[in-house]
Amino acid sequence: MDFLISPAHAQGAAQGDAFGFFLPMIVIFVAFYFLLIRPQQKRQKAHTALVGALSTGDEVVTAGGILGKVTAVSEHYATLMIADNVEVKVQKSTVSAVVPKGTFDAA
């Protein structure tokens, strides 16, 4: 049973096992990496690819909930037509999703 519970040593209490001390911290870091850091990096990579692939004619939704059709794309900005004769220039990073064709006309 000594492998589950380490025996208490009164004389050597100040000298701890370094591996036993760092093992829980390593396990916690690995758990944080796979549960928090890695999924966030995947989402960021997918969003960067979405923003990079924006082109004229795409129908998009911004982070603020504005639905529009892309009429022009520059390096940092996209121009959205949100109604007849109404165009808005937004940062490309605020585009949250590309919706299927026809969504803008149906809305």
PDB file of N, CA and C in Angstrom:
ATOM      1  N   MET A   1       0.811  -1.189   0.000  1.00  0.00           N
ATOM      2  CA  MET A   1       0.000   0.000   0.000  1.00  0.00           C
ATOM      3  C   MET A   1       0.862   1.264   0.000  1.00  0.00           C
ATOM      4  N   ASP A   2       2.166   1.114   0.098  1.00  0.00           N
ATOM      5  CA  ASP A   2       3.037   2.281   0.143  1.00  0.00           C
ATOM      6  C   ASP A   2       3.066   3.042  -1.177  1.00  0.00           C
ATOM      7  N   PHE A   3       2.697   2.413  -2.268  1.00  0.00           N
ATOM      8  CA  PHE A   3       2.719   3.116  -3.547  1.00  0.00           C
ATOM      9  C   PHE A   3       1.548   4.093  -3.678  1.00  0.00           C
ATOM     10  N   LEU A   4       0.470   3.945  -2.900  1.00  0.00           N
ATOM     11  CA  LEU A   4      -0.650   4.888  -2.916  1.00  0.00           C
ATOM     12  C   LEU A   4      -0.463   6.028  -1.928  1.00  0.00           C
ATOM     13  N   ILE A   5       0.033   5.695  -0.760  1.00  0.00           N
ATOM     14  CA  ILE A   5       0.224   6.696   0.288  1.00  0.00           C
ATOM     15  C   ILE A   5       1.683   6.645   0.709  1.00  0.00           C
ATOM     16  N   SER A   6       2.355   7.775   0.575  1.00  0.00           N
ATOM     17  CA  SER A   6       3.756   7.786   0.976  1.00  0.00           C
ATOM     18  C   SER A   6       3.837   7.862   2.500  1.00  0.00           C
ATOM     19  N   PRO A   7       4.737   7.109   3.098  1.00  0.00           N
ATOM     20  CA  PRO A   7       4.862   7.122   4.564  1.00  0.00           C
ATOM     21  C   PRO A   7       5.404   8.467   5.034  1.00  0.00           C
ATOM     22  N   ALA A   8       4.955   8.882   6.212  1.00  0.00           N
ATOM     23  CA  ALA A   8       5.398  10.153   6.790  1.00  0.00           C
ATOM     24  C   ALA A   8       6.782   9.979   7.392  1.00  0.00           C
ATOM     25  N   HIS A   9       7.639  10.878   7.079  1.00  0.00           N
ATOM     26  CA  HIS A   9       8.994  10.875   7.623  1.00  0.00           C
ATOM     27  C   HIS A   9       9.210  12.203   8.321  1.00  0.00           C
ATOM     28  N   ALA A  10       9.262  12.168   9.622  1.00  0.00           N
ATOM     29  CA  ALA A  10       9.392  13.401  10.394  1.00  0.00           C
ATOM     30  C   ALA A  10      10.746  14.054  10.181  1.00  0.00           C
ATOM     31  N   GLN A  11      11.794  13.277  10.052  1.00  0.00           N
ATOM     32  CA  GLN A  11      13.120  13.840   9.902  1.00  0.00           C
ATOM     33  C   GLN A  11      13.339  14.434   8.518  1.00  0.00           C
ATOM     34  N   GLY A  12      12.789  13.867   7.495  1.00  0.00           N
ATOM     35  CA  GLY A  12      13.048  14.306   6.134  1.00  0.00           C
ATOM     36  C   GLY A  12      11.895  15.098   5.532  1.00  0.00           C
ATOM     37  N   ALA A  13      11.091  15.746   6.346  1.00  0.00           N
ATOM     38  CA  ALA A  13       9.919  16.471   5.844  1.00  0.00           C
ATOM     39  C   ALA A  13      10.319  17.659   4.972  1.00  0.00           C
ATOM     40  N   ALA A  14      11.436  18.274   5.251  1.00  0.00           N
ATOM     41  CA  ALA A  14      11.860  19.436   4.475  1.00  0.00           C
ATOM     42  C   ALA A  14      12.370  19.034   3.100  1.00  0.00           C
ATOM     43  N   GLN A  15      12.831  17.803   2.969  1.00  0.00           N
ATOM     44  CA  GLN A  15      13.337  17.319   1.691  1.00  0.00           C
ATOM     45  C   GLN A  15      12.205  16.573   0.985  1.00  0.00           C
ATOM     46  N   GLY A  16      11.605  17.219  -0.030  1.00  0.00           N
ATOM     47  CA  GLY A  16      10.514  16.589  -0.744  1.00  0.00           C
ATOM     48  C   GLY A  16      10.992  16.003  -2.060  1.00  0.00           C
ATOM     49  N   ASP A  17      10.178  15.168  -2.613  1.00  0.00           N
ATOM     50  CA  ASP A  17      10.467  14.592  -3.915  1.00  0.00           C
ATOM     51  C   ASP A  17      10.114  15.633  -4.984  1.00  0.00           C
ATOM     52  N   ALA A  18      11.089  16.077  -5.749  1.00  0.00           N
ATOM     53  CA  ALA A  18      10.850  17.134  -6.744  1.00  0.00           C
ATOM     54  C   ALA A  18       9.887  16.675  -7.824  1.00  0.00           C
ATOM     55  N   PHE A  19       9.982  15.418  -8.241  1.00  0.00           N
ATOM     56  CA  PHE A  19       9.082  14.904  -9.267  1.00  0.00           C
ATOM     57  C   PHE A  19       7.647  14.870  -8.748  1.00  0.00           C
ATOM     58  N   GLY A  20       7.469  14.450  -7.514  1.00  0.00           N
ATOM     59  CA  GLY A  20       6.140  14.404  -6.904  1.00  0.00           C
ATOM     60  C   GLY A  20       5.545  15.785  -6.730  1.00  0.00           C
ATOM     61  N   PHE A  21       6.387  16.782  -6.578  1.00  0.00           N
ATOM     62  CA  PHE A  21       5.913  18.158  -6.430  1.00  0.00           C
ATOM     63  C   PHE A  21       5.491  18.751  -7.777  1.00  0.00           C
ATOM     64  N   PHE A  22       6.266  18.500  -8.821  1.00  0.00           N
ATOM     65  CA  PHE A  22       5.982  19.095 -10.121  1.00  0.00           C
ATOM     66  C   PHE A  22       4.973  18.316 -10.960  1.00  0.00           C
ATOM     67  N   LEU A  23       4.759  17.053 -10.650  1.00  0.00           N
ATOM     68  CA  LEU A  23       3.835  16.235 -11.427  1.00  0.00           C
ATOM     69  C   LEU A  23       2.412  16.811 -11.479  1.00  0.00           C
ATOM     70  N   PRO A  24       1.808  17.212 -10.363  1.00  0.00           N
ATOM     71  CA  PRO A  24       0.459  17.803 -10.463  1.00  0.00           C
ATOM     72  C   PRO A  24       0.428  19.081 -11.302  1.00  0.00           C
ATOM     73  N   MET A  25       1.465  19.902 -11.204  1.00  0.00           N
ATOM     74  CA  MET A  25       1.499  21.128 -11.996  1.00  0.00           C
ATOM     75  C   MET A  25       1.625  20.811 -13.488  1.00  0.00           C
ATOM     76  N   ILE A  26       2.393  19.801 -13.820  1.00  0.00           N
ATOM     77  CA  ILE A  26       2.535  19.397 -15.219  1.00  0.00           C
ATOM     78  C   ILE A  26       1.214  18.863 -15.746  1.00  0.00           C
ATOM     79  N   VAL A  27       0.530  18.061 -14.955  1.00  0.00           N
ATOM     80  CA  VAL A  27      -0.772  17.517 -15.356  1.00  0.00           C
ATOM     81  C   VAL A  27      -1.788  18.647 -15.569  1.00  0.00           C
ATOM     82  N   ILE A  28      -1.801  19.615 -14.679  1.00  0.00           N
ATOM     83  CA  ILE A  28      -2.722  20.751 -14.804  1.00  0.00           C
ATOM     84  C   ILE A  28      -2.396  21.555 -16.056  1.00  0.00           C
ATOM     85  N   PHE A  29      -1.112  21.795 -16.329  1.00  0.00           N
ATOM     86  CA  PHE A  29      -0.744  22.540 -17.525  1.00  0.00           C
ATOM     87  C   PHE A  29      -1.173  21.801 -18.794  1.00  0.00           C
ATOM     88  N   VAL A  30      -0.966  20.498 -18.836  1.00  0.00           N
ATOM     89  CA  VAL A  30      -1.374  19.706 -20.004  1.00  0.00           C
ATOM     90  C   VAL A  30      -2.891  19.761 -20.178  1.00  0.00           C
ATOM     91  N   ALA A  31      -3.625  19.666 -19.073  1.00  0.00           N
ATOM     92  CA  ALA A  31      -5.092  19.756 -19.144  1.00  0.00           C
ATOM     93  C   ALA A  31      -5.517  21.122 -19.662  1.00  0.00           C
ATOM     94  N   PHE A  32      -4.921  22.204 -19.165  1.00  0.00           N
ATOM     95  CA  PHE A  32      -5.243  23.539 -19.649  1.00  0.00           C
ATOM     96  C   PHE A  32      -4.929  23.680 -21.130  1.00  0.00           C
ATOM     97  N   TYR A  33      -3.820  23.103 -21.555  1.00  0.00           N
ATOM     98  CA  TYR A  33      -3.445  23.202 -22.965  1.00  0.00           C
ATOM     99  C   TYR A  33      -4.502  22.558 -23.850  1.00  0.00           C
ATOM    100  N   PHE A  34      -4.901  21.332 -23.516  1.00  0.00           N
ATOM    101  CA  PHE A  34      -5.845  20.618 -24.375  1.00  0.00           C
ATOM    102  C   PHE A  34      -7.284  21.096 -24.218  1.00  0.00           C
ATOM    103  N   LEU A  35      -7.644  21.662 -23.075  1.00  0.00           N
ATOM    104  CA  LEU A  35      -9.024  22.105 -22.862  1.00  0.00           C
ATOM    105  C   LEU A  35      -9.248  23.580 -23.183  1.00  0.00           C
ATOM    106  N   LEU A  36      -8.218  24.410 -23.087  1.00  0.00           N
ATOM    107  CA  LEU A  36      -8.402  25.848 -23.286  1.00  0.00           C
ATOM    108  C   LEU A  36      -7.556  26.435 -24.414  1.00  0.00           C
ATOM    109  N   ILE A  37      -6.273  26.205 -24.384  1.00  0.00           N
ATOM    110  CA  ILE A  37      -5.367  26.888 -25.313  1.00  0.00           C
ATOM    111  C   ILE A  37      -5.517  26.351 -26.727  1.00  0.00           C
ATOM    112  N   ARG A  38      -5.474  25.048 -26.909  1.00  0.00           N
ATOM    113  CA  ARG A  38      -5.533  24.451 -28.248  1.00  0.00           C
ATOM    114  C   ARG A  38      -6.841  24.753 -28.977  1.00  0.00           C
ATOM    115  N   PRO A  39      -8.016  24.617 -28.336  1.00  0.00           N
ATOM    116  CA  PRO A  39      -9.257  24.965 -29.046  1.00  0.00           C
ATOM    117  C   PRO A  39      -9.321  26.445 -29.443  1.00  0.00           C
ATOM    118  N   GLN A  40      -8.789  27.325 -28.588  1.00  0.00           N
ATOM    119  CA  GLN A  40      -8.786  28.745 -28.930  1.00  0.00           C
ATOM    120  C   GLN A  40      -7.894  29.011 -30.133  1.00  0.00           C
ATOM    121  N   GLN A  41      -6.753  28.348 -30.213  1.00  0.00           N
ATOM    122  CA  GLN A  41      -5.873  28.515 -31.365  1.00  0.00           C
ATOM    123  C   GLN A  41      -6.540  28.012 -32.639  1.00  0.00           C
ATOM    124  N   LYS A  42      -7.290  26.918 -32.543  1.00  0.00           N
ATOM    125  CA  LYS A  42      -7.997  26.390 -33.718  1.00  0.00           C
ATOM    126  C   LYS A  42      -9.067  27.369 -34.185  1.00  0.00           C
ATOM    127  N   ARG A  43      -9.822  27.951 -33.234  1.00  0.00           N
ATOM    128  CA  ARG A  43     -10.844  28.936 -33.594  1.00  0.00           C
ATOM    129  C   ARG A  43     -10.211  30.163 -34.237  1.00  0.00           C
ATOM    130  N   GLN A  44      -9.096  30.622 -33.689  1.00  0.00           N
ATOM    131  CA  GLN A  44      -8.411  31.788 -34.241  1.00  0.00           C
ATOM    132  C   GLN A  44      -7.917  31.504 -35.656  1.00  0.00           C
ATOM    133  N   LYS A  45      -7.380  30.318 -35.884  1.00  0.00           N
ATOM    134  CA  LYS A  45      -6.894  29.954 -37.215  1.00  0.00           C
ATOM    135  C   LYS A  45      -8.057  29.883 -38.209  1.00  0.00           C
ATOM    136  N   ALA A  46      -9.191  29.329 -37.785  1.00  0.00           N
ATOM    137  CA  ALA A  46     -10.364  29.247 -38.658  1.00  0.00           C
ATOM    138  C   ALA A  46     -10.910  30.634 -38.980  1.00  0.00           C
ATOM    139  N   HIS A  47     -10.925  31.539 -37.996  1.00  0.00           N
ATOM    140  CA  HIS A  47     -11.411  32.903 -38.237  1.00  0.00           C
ATOM    141  C   HIS A  47     -10.480  33.649 -39.176  1.00  0.00           C
ATOM    142  N   THR A  48      -9.180  33.468 -39.011  1.00  0.00           N
ATOM    143  CA  THR A  48      -8.213  34.115 -39.899  1.00  0.00           C
ATOM    144  C   THR A  48      -8.392  33.630 -41.334  1.00  0.00           C
ATOM    145  N   ALA A  49      -8.634  32.346 -41.506  1.00  0.00           N
ATOM    146  CA  ALA A  49      -8.872  31.799 -42.846  1.00  0.00           C
ATOM    147  C   ALA A  49     -10.169  32.347 -43.430  1.00  0.00           C
ATOM    148  N   LEU A  50     -11.217  32.480 -42.601  1.00  0.00           N
ATOM    149  CA  LEU A  50     -12.494  33.025 -43.055  1.00  0.00           C
ATOM    150  C   LEU A  50     -12.327  34.467 -43.518  1.00  0.00           C
ATOM    151  N   VAL A  51     -11.634  35.268 -42.730  1.00  0.00           N
ATOM    152  CA  VAL A  51     -11.431  36.680 -43.076  1.00  0.00           C
ATOM    153  C   VAL A  51     -10.556  36.802 -44.321  1.00  0.00           C
ATOM    154  N   GLY A  52      -9.555  35.952 -44.441  1.00  0.00           N
ATOM    155  CA  GLY A  52      -8.675  36.002 -45.604  1.00  0.00           C
ATOM    156  C   GLY A  52      -9.361  35.590 -46.894  1.00  0.00           C
ATOM    157  N   ALA A  53     -10.412  34.778 -46.787  1.00  0.00           N
ATOM    158  CA  ALA A  53     -11.104  34.286 -47.973  1.00  0.00           C
ATOM    159  C   ALA A  53     -12.307  35.151 -48.369  1.00  0.00           C
ATOM    160  N   LEU A  54     -12.524  36.265 -47.682  1.00  0.00           N
ATOM    161  CA  LEU A  54     -13.654  37.136 -48.043  1.00  0.00           C
ATOM    162  C   LEU A  54     -13.492  37.657 -49.459  1.00  0.00           C
ATOM    163  N   SER A  55     -14.586  37.638 -50.197  1.00  0.00           N
ATOM    164  CA  SER A  55     -14.547  38.165 -51.555  1.00  0.00           C
ATOM    165  C   SER A  55     -15.868  38.860 -51.853  1.00  0.00           C
ATOM    166  N   THR A  56     -15.874  39.623 -52.904  1.00  0.00           N
ATOM    167  CA  THR A  56     -17.062  40.357 -53.318  1.00  0.00           C
ATOM    168  C   THR A  56     -18.186  39.371 -53.639  1.00  0.00           C
ATOM    169  N   GLY A  57     -19.370  39.677 -53.128  1.00  0.00           N
ATOM    170  CA  GLY A  57     -20.523  38.818 -53.366  1.00  0.00           C
ATOM    171  C   GLY A  57     -20.845  37.901 -52.207  1.00  0.00           C
ATOM    172  N   ASP A  58     -19.920  37.723 -51.260  1.00  0.00           N
ATOM    173  CA  ASP A  58     -20.194  36.890 -50.089  1.00  0.00           C
ATOM    174  C   ASP A  58     -21.236  37.569 -49.206  1.00  0.00           C
ATOM    175  N   GLU A  59     -22.056  36.764 -48.572  1.00  0.00           N
ATOM    176  CA  GLU A  59     -23.024  37.283 -47.613  1.00  0.00           C
ATOM    177  C   GLU A  59     -22.517  36.928 -46.230  1.00  0.00           C
ATOM    178  N   VAL A  60     -22.422  37.937 -45.354  1.00  0.00           N
ATOM    179  CA  VAL A  60     -21.770  37.751 -44.062  1.00  0.00           C
ATOM    180  C   VAL A  60     -22.609  38.326 -42.929  1.00  0.00           C
ATOM    181  N   VAL A  61     -22.266  37.887 -41.715  1.00  0.00           N
ATOM    182  CA  VAL A  61     -22.820  38.447 -40.489  1.00  0.00           C
ATOM    183  C   VAL A  61     -21.643  38.972 -39.684  1.00  0.00           C
ATOM    184  N   THR A  62     -21.764  40.195 -39.178  1.00  0.00           N
ATOM    185  CA  THR A  62     -20.697  40.770 -38.371  1.00  0.00           C
ATOM    186  C   THR A  62     -20.898  40.386 -36.911  1.00  0.00           C
ATOM    187  N   ALA A  63     -19.913  40.714 -36.085  1.00  0.00           N
ATOM    188  CA  ALA A  63     -20.004  40.427 -34.662  1.00  0.00           C
ATOM    189  C   ALA A  63     -21.137  41.214 -34.018  1.00  0.00           C
ATOM    190  N   GLY A  64     -21.504  42.341 -34.582  1.00  0.00           N
ATOM    191  CA  GLY A  64     -22.608  43.141 -34.069  1.00  0.00           C
ATOM    192  C   GLY A  64     -23.963  42.673 -34.554  1.00  0.00           C
ATOM    193  N   GLY A  65     -23.998  41.660 -35.413  1.00  0.00           N
ATOM    194  CA  GLY A  65     -25.262  41.111 -35.886  1.00  0.00           C
ATOM    195  C   GLY A  65     -25.768  41.712 -37.176  1.00  0.00           C
ATOM    196  N   ILE A  66     -24.950  42.493 -37.864  1.00  0.00           N
ATOM    197  CA  ILE A  66     -25.363  43.106 -39.125  1.00  0.00           C
ATOM    198  C   ILE A  66     -25.190  42.095 -40.255  1.00  0.00           C
ATOM    199  N   LEU A  67     -26.265  41.882 -41.000  1.00  0.00           N
ATOM    200  CA  LEU A  67     -26.242  40.989 -42.150  1.00  0.00           C
ATOM    201  C   LEU A  67     -26.059  41.837 -43.397  1.00  0.00           C
ATOM    202  N   GLY A  68     -25.106  41.472 -44.222  1.00  0.00           N
ATOM    203  CA  GLY A  68     -24.864  42.255 -45.424  1.00  0.00           C
ATOM    204  C   GLY A  68     -24.171  41.459 -46.501  1.00  0.00           C
ATOM    205  N   LYS A  69     -24.124  42.060 -47.677  1.00  0.00           N
ATOM    206  CA  LYS A  69     -23.451  41.462 -48.831  1.00  0.00           C
ATOM    207  C   LYS A  69     -22.175  42.258 -49.086  1.00  0.00           C
ATOM    208  N   VAL A  70     -21.061  41.572 -49.236  1.00  0.00           N
ATOM    209  CA  VAL A  70     -19.769  42.227 -49.440  1.00  0.00           C
ATOM    210  C   VAL A  70     -19.732  42.821 -50.845  1.00  0.00           C
ATOM    211  N   THR A  71     -19.454  44.127 -50.924  1.00  0.00           N
ATOM    212  CA  THR A  71     -19.352  44.789 -52.225  1.00  0.00           C
ATOM    213  C   THR A  71     -17.915  45.159 -52.574  1.00  0.00           C
ATOM    214  N   ALA A  72     -17.064  45.294 -51.565  1.00  0.00           N
ATOM    215  CA  ALA A  72     -15.651  45.614 -51.808  1.00  0.00           C
ATOM    216  C   ALA A  72     -14.834  45.101 -50.633  1.00  0.00           C
ATOM    217  N   VAL A  73     -13.606  44.700 -50.925  1.00  0.00           N
ATOM    218  CA  VAL A  73     -12.698  44.191 -49.889  1.00  0.00           C
ATOM    219  C   VAL A  73     -11.348  44.866 -50.066  1.00  0.00           C
ATOM    220  N   SER A  74     -10.812  45.420 -48.971  1.00  0.00           N
ATOM    221  CA  SER A  74      -9.456  45.956 -48.986  1.00  0.00           C
ATOM    222  C   SER A  74      -8.637  45.167 -47.968  1.00  0.00           C
ATOM    223  N   GLU A  75      -7.454  45.655 -47.662  1.00  0.00           N
ATOM    224  CA  GLU A  75      -6.565  44.902 -46.789  1.00  0.00           C
ATOM    225  C   GLU A  75      -7.153  44.728 -45.384  1.00  0.00           C
ATOM    226  N   HIS A  76      -7.718  45.787 -44.820  1.00  0.00           N
ATOM    227  CA  HIS A  76      -8.230  45.731 -43.451  1.00  0.00           C
ATOM    228  C   HIS A  76      -9.742  45.926 -43.353  1.00  0.00           C
ATOM    229  N   TYR A  77     -10.384  46.370 -44.419  1.00  0.00           N
ATOM    230  CA  TYR A  77     -11.805  46.709 -44.367  1.00  0.00           C
ATOM    231  C   TYR A  77     -12.590  45.987 -45.453  1.00  0.00           C
ATOM    232  N   ALA A  78     -13.887  45.815 -45.167  1.00  0.00           N
ATOM    233  CA  ALA A  78     -14.814  45.278 -46.147  1.00  0.00           C
ATOM    234  C   ALA A  78     -16.015  46.212 -46.191  1.00  0.00           C
ATOM    235  N   THR A  79     -16.533  46.449 -47.372  1.00  0.00           N
ATOM    236  CA  THR A  79     -17.722  47.278 -47.524  1.00  0.00           C
ATOM    237  C   THR A  79     -18.917  46.346 -47.684  1.00  0.00           C
ATOM    238  N   LEU A  80     -19.923  46.544 -46.826  1.00  0.00           N
ATOM    239  CA  LEU A  80     -21.119  45.715 -46.841  1.00  0.00           C
ATOM    240  C   LEU A  80     -22.311  46.518 -47.305  1.00  0.00           C
ATOM    241  N   MET A  81     -23.108  45.929 -48.185  1.00  0.00           N
ATOM    242  CA  MET A  81     -24.378  46.531 -48.555  1.00  0.00           C
ATOM    243  C   MET A  81     -25.416  45.928 -47.606  1.00  0.00           C
ATOM    244  N   ILE A  82     -26.011  46.781 -46.752  1.00  0.00           N
ATOM    245  CA  ILE A  82     -26.963  46.283 -45.775  1.00  0.00           C
ATOM    246  C   ILE A  82     -28.406  46.565 -46.182  1.00  0.00           C
ATOM    247  N   ALA A  83     -28.601  47.443 -47.163  1.00  0.00           N
ATOM    248  CA  ALA A  83     -29.921  47.738 -47.732  1.00  0.00           C
ATOM    249  C   ALA A  83     -29.675  48.399 -49.086  1.00  0.00           C
ATOM    250  N   ASP A  84     -30.749  48.637 -49.829  1.00  0.00           N
ATOM    251  CA  ASP A  84     -30.593  49.305 -51.120  1.00  0.00           C
ATOM    252  C   ASP A  84     -29.982  50.687 -50.907  1.00  0.00           C
ATOM    253  N   ASN A  85     -28.899  50.969 -51.612  1.00  0.00           N
ATOM    254  CA  ASN A  85     -28.181  52.241 -51.556  1.00  0.00           C
ATOM    255  C   ASN A  85     -27.626  52.561 -50.169  1.00  0.00           C
ATOM    256  N   VAL A  86     -27.426  51.559 -49.319  1.00  0.00           N
ATOM    257  CA  VAL A  86     -26.820  51.768 -47.997  1.00  0.00           C
ATOM    258  C   VAL A  86     -25.631  50.818 -47.875  1.00  0.00           C
ATOM    259  N   GLU A  87     -24.437  51.390 -47.796  1.00  0.00           N
ATOM    260  CA  GLU A  87     -23.229  50.600 -47.646  1.00  0.00           C
ATOM    261  C   GLU A  87     -22.497  51.035 -46.388  1.00  0.00           C
ATOM    262  N   VAL A  88     -21.925  50.070 -45.708  1.00  0.00           N
ATOM    263  CA  VAL A  88     -21.206  50.313 -44.469  1.00  0.00           C
ATOM    264  C   VAL A  88     -19.821  49.700 -44.599  1.00  0.00           C
ATOM    265  N   LYS A  89     -18.814  50.444 -44.161  1.00  0.00           N
ATOM    266  CA  LYS A  89     -17.449  49.919 -44.176  1.00  0.00           C
ATOM    267  C   LYS A  89     -17.142  49.402 -42.769  1.00  0.00           C
ATOM    268  N   VAL A  90     -16.743  48.131 -42.679  1.00  0.00           N
ATOM    269  CA  VAL A  90     -16.430  47.511 -41.394  1.00  0.00           C
ATOM    270  C   VAL A  90     -15.043  46.895 -41.451  1.00  0.00           C
ATOM    271  N   GLN A  91     -14.456  46.701 -40.284  1.00  0.00           N
ATOM    272  CA  GLN A  91     -13.179  45.985 -40.238  1.00  0.00           C
ATOM    273  C   GLN A  91     -13.431  44.523 -40.567  1.00  0.00           C
ATOM    274  N   LYS A  92     -12.513  43.934 -41.308  1.00  0.00           N
ATOM    275  CA  LYS A  92     -12.684  42.542 -41.706  1.00  0.00           C
ATOM    276  C   LYS A  92     -12.688  41.608 -40.500  1.00  0.00           C
ATOM    277  N   SER A  93     -12.016  41.989 -39.442  1.00  0.00           N
ATOM    278  CA  SER A  93     -11.954  41.121 -38.263  1.00  0.00           C
ATOM    279  C   SER A  93     -13.298  41.029 -37.538  1.00  0.00           C
ATOM    280  N   THR A  94     -14.238  41.954 -37.817  1.00  0.00           N
ATOM    281  CA  THR A  94     -15.544  41.883 -37.172  1.00  0.00           C
ATOM    282  C   THR A  94     -16.494  40.922 -37.868  1.00  0.00           C
ATOM    283  N   VAL A  95     -16.119  40.416 -39.021  1.00  0.00           N
ATOM    284  CA  VAL A  95     -16.958  39.436 -39.710  1.00  0.00           C
ATOM    285  C   VAL A  95     -16.884  38.136 -38.924  1.00  0.00           C
ATOM    286  N   SER A  96     -18.042  37.652 -38.485  1.00  0.00           N
ATOM    287  CA  SER A  96     -18.038  36.442 -37.659  1.00  0.00           C
ATOM    288  C   SER A  96     -18.423  35.195 -38.434  1.00  0.00           C
ATOM    289  N   ALA A  97     -19.188  35.344 -39.525  1.00  0.00           N
ATOM    290  CA  ALA A  97     -19.585  34.151 -40.272  1.00  0.00           C
ATOM    291  C   ALA A  97     -19.971  34.524 -41.693  1.00  0.00           C
ATOM    292  N   VAL A  98     -19.742  33.597 -42.593  1.00  0.00           N
ATOM    293  CA  VAL A  98     -20.230  33.711 -43.960  1.00  0.00           C
ATOM    294  C   VAL A  98     -21.479  32.841 -44.030  1.00  0.00           C
ATOM    295  N   VAL A  99     -22.594  33.446 -44.447  1.00  0.00           N
ATOM    296  CA  VAL A  99     -23.864  32.716 -44.494  1.00  0.00           C
ATOM    297  C   VAL A  99     -24.113  32.231 -45.923  1.00  0.00           C
ATOM    298  N   PRO A 100     -25.006  31.272 -46.109  1.00  0.00           N
ATOM    299  CA  PRO A 100     -25.287  30.755 -47.446  1.00  0.00           C
ATOM    300  C   PRO A 100     -25.869  31.831 -48.375  1.00  0.00           C
ATOM    301  N   LYS A 101     -25.617  31.686 -49.657  1.00  0.00           N
ATOM    302  CA  LYS A 101     -26.134  32.627 -50.650  1.00  0.00           C
ATOM    303  C   LYS A 101     -27.656  32.646 -50.582  1.00  0.00           C
ATOM    304  N   GLY A 102     -28.233  33.831 -50.692  1.00  0.00           N
ATOM    305  CA  GLY A 102     -29.678  33.980 -50.647  1.00  0.00           C
ATOM    306  C   GLY A 102     -30.214  34.363 -49.289  1.00  0.00           C
ATOM    307  N   THR A 103     -29.385  34.279 -48.260  1.00  0.00           N
ATOM    308  CA  THR A 103     -29.819  34.638 -46.916  1.00  0.00           C
ATOM    309  C   THR A 103     -30.115  36.130 -46.833  1.00  0.00           C
ATOM    310  N   PHE A 104     -29.281  36.927 -47.468  1.00  0.00           N
ATOM    311  CA  PHE A 104     -29.475  38.378 -47.431  1.00  0.00           C
ATOM    312  C   PHE A 104     -30.785  38.775 -48.097  1.00  0.00           C
ATOM    313  N   ASP A 105     -31.104  38.165 -49.254  1.00  0.00           N
ATOM    314  CA  ASP A 105     -32.331  38.495 -49.956  1.00  0.00           C
ATOM    315  C   ASP A 105     -33.559  37.987 -49.206  1.00  0.00           C
ATOM    316  N   ALA A 106     -33.433  36.880 -48.497  1.00  0.00           N
ATOM    317  CA  ALA A 106     -34.564  36.294 -47.777  1.00  0.00           C
ATOM    318  C   ALA A 106     -34.863  37.019 -46.467  1.00  0.00           C
ATOM    319  N   ALA A 107     -33.896  37.746 -45.951  1.00  0.00           N
ATOM    320  CA  ALA A 107     -34.072  38.410 -44.653  1.00  0.00           C
ATOM    321  C   ALA A 107     -34.909  39.650 -44.755  1.00  0.00           C
TER     322      ALA A 107
END
